[in-house]
Amino acid sequence: MSLRGTLALGVAALALGAYVWFVEIRGGEKRAEAEAATRVIFALDPASATALELVTSDGVSPPSDPPDTTKSRFGSLASST
């Protein structure tokens, strides 16, 4: 193989390697970050949520009262002695 052919093949290999690096590897990381960002609708700390208010075409639904944690449908959770 001549020197010119070897250099042309080397340039082609470098171009292919650059394409794989910049488009596939680095671009794949950016696409994964963008996809993960689109999955999050809004960030919310569950401990800070106290109520949920739904707005519908009929208007705003009132928030429901928080559940009473001292009672269950089977009666009081506190032991009655």
Protein backbone atom coordinates (compact mmCIF):
# COMPACT_ATOMS: atom_id res chain seq x y z
CA MET A 1 0.00 0.00 0.00
CA SER A 2 1.35 3.43 -0.85
CA LEU A 3 1.92 6.23 1.63
CA ARG A 4 -0.93 8.24 0.10
CA GLY A 5 -3.37 5.35 0.55
CA THR A 6 -2.24 4.79 4.12
CA LEU A 7 -2.68 8.48 4.97
CA ALA A 8 -6.15 8.54 3.36
CA LEU A 9 -7.16 5.48 5.35
CA GLY A 10 -5.80 7.04 8.56
CA VAL A 11 -7.72 10.28 7.94
CA ALA A 12 -10.90 8.29 7.29
CA ALA A 13 -10.37 6.31 10.51
CA LEU A 14 -9.81 9.53 12.49
CA ALA A 15 -12.93 11.10 10.98
CA LEU A 16 -14.99 8.04 11.86
CA GLY A 17 -13.58 8.02 15.39
CA ALA A 18 -14.35 11.73 15.82
CA TYR A 19 -17.92 11.17 14.62
CA VAL A 20 -18.46 8.31 17.04
CA TRP A 21 -16.98 10.33 19.93
CA PHE A 22 -18.75 13.65 19.39
CA VAL A 23 -22.10 12.48 18.01
CA GLU A 24 -22.74 9.09 19.52
CA ILE A 25 -21.00 9.18 22.91
CA ARG A 26 -21.19 12.83 23.97
CA GLY A 27 -24.47 13.38 22.12
CA GLY A 28 -25.96 10.29 23.77
CA GLU A 29 -25.19 11.70 27.21
CA LYS A 30 -26.87 15.00 26.31
CA ARG A 31 -29.90 13.18 24.89
CA ALA A 32 -30.20 11.09 28.07
CA GLU A 33 -30.04 14.24 30.23
CA ALA A 34 -32.65 15.97 28.08
CA GLU A 35 -34.95 12.94 28.21
CA ALA A 36 -34.64 12.71 31.99
CA ALA A 37 -35.44 16.42 32.30
CA THR A 38 -38.60 16.03 30.22
CA ARG A 39 -39.89 13.26 32.49
CA VAL A 40 -39.97 15.56 35.53
CA ILE A 41 -43.18 17.59 35.50
CA PHE A 42 -42.33 19.59 38.60
CA ALA A 43 -40.00 19.11 41.51
CA LEU A 44 -41.71 18.64 44.86
CA ASP A 45 -40.43 17.54 48.22
CA PRO A 46 -43.08 15.09 49.52
CA ALA A 47 -42.53 16.22 53.10
CA SER A 48 -43.43 19.81 52.22
CA ALA A 49 -46.79 18.96 50.58
CA THR A 50 -49.74 19.71 52.83
CA ALA A 51 -52.69 19.74 50.41
CA LEU A 52 -53.60 19.15 46.79
CA GLU A 53 -55.96 21.47 44.96
CA LEU A 54 -57.39 20.38 41.61
CA VAL A 55 -58.62 22.90 39.08
CA THR A 56 -61.20 21.51 36.67
CA SER A 57 -63.53 23.02 34.10
CA ASP A 58 -66.20 23.18 36.84
CA GLY A 59 -63.97 25.23 39.08
CA VAL A 60 -61.64 24.53 41.96
CA SER A 61 -62.28 21.44 44.03
CA PRO A 62 -61.80 22.04 47.73
CA PRO A 63 -58.93 20.21 49.36
CA SER A 64 -59.96 17.25 51.42
CA ASP A 65 -59.28 17.10 55.13
CA PRO A 66 -56.14 15.20 56.05
CA PRO A 67 -56.83 11.65 57.18
CA ASP A 68 -57.23 11.04 60.88
CA THR A 69 -54.31 8.82 61.74
CA THR A 70 -55.60 7.93 65.21
CA LYS A 71 -58.52 5.93 63.87
CA SER A 72 -58.88 3.30 61.23
CA ARG A 73 -61.90 1.66 59.73
CA PHE A 74 -61.43 -1.10 62.32
CA GLY A 75 -61.71 1.30 65.24
CA SER A 76 -59.24 3.24 67.28
CA LEU A 77 -55.58 2.41 66.89
CA ALA A 78 -54.89 3.39 70.49
CA SER A 79 -55.06 0.41 72.79
CA SER A 80 -58.07 0.60 75.05
CA THR A 81 -57.21 -0.97 78.37
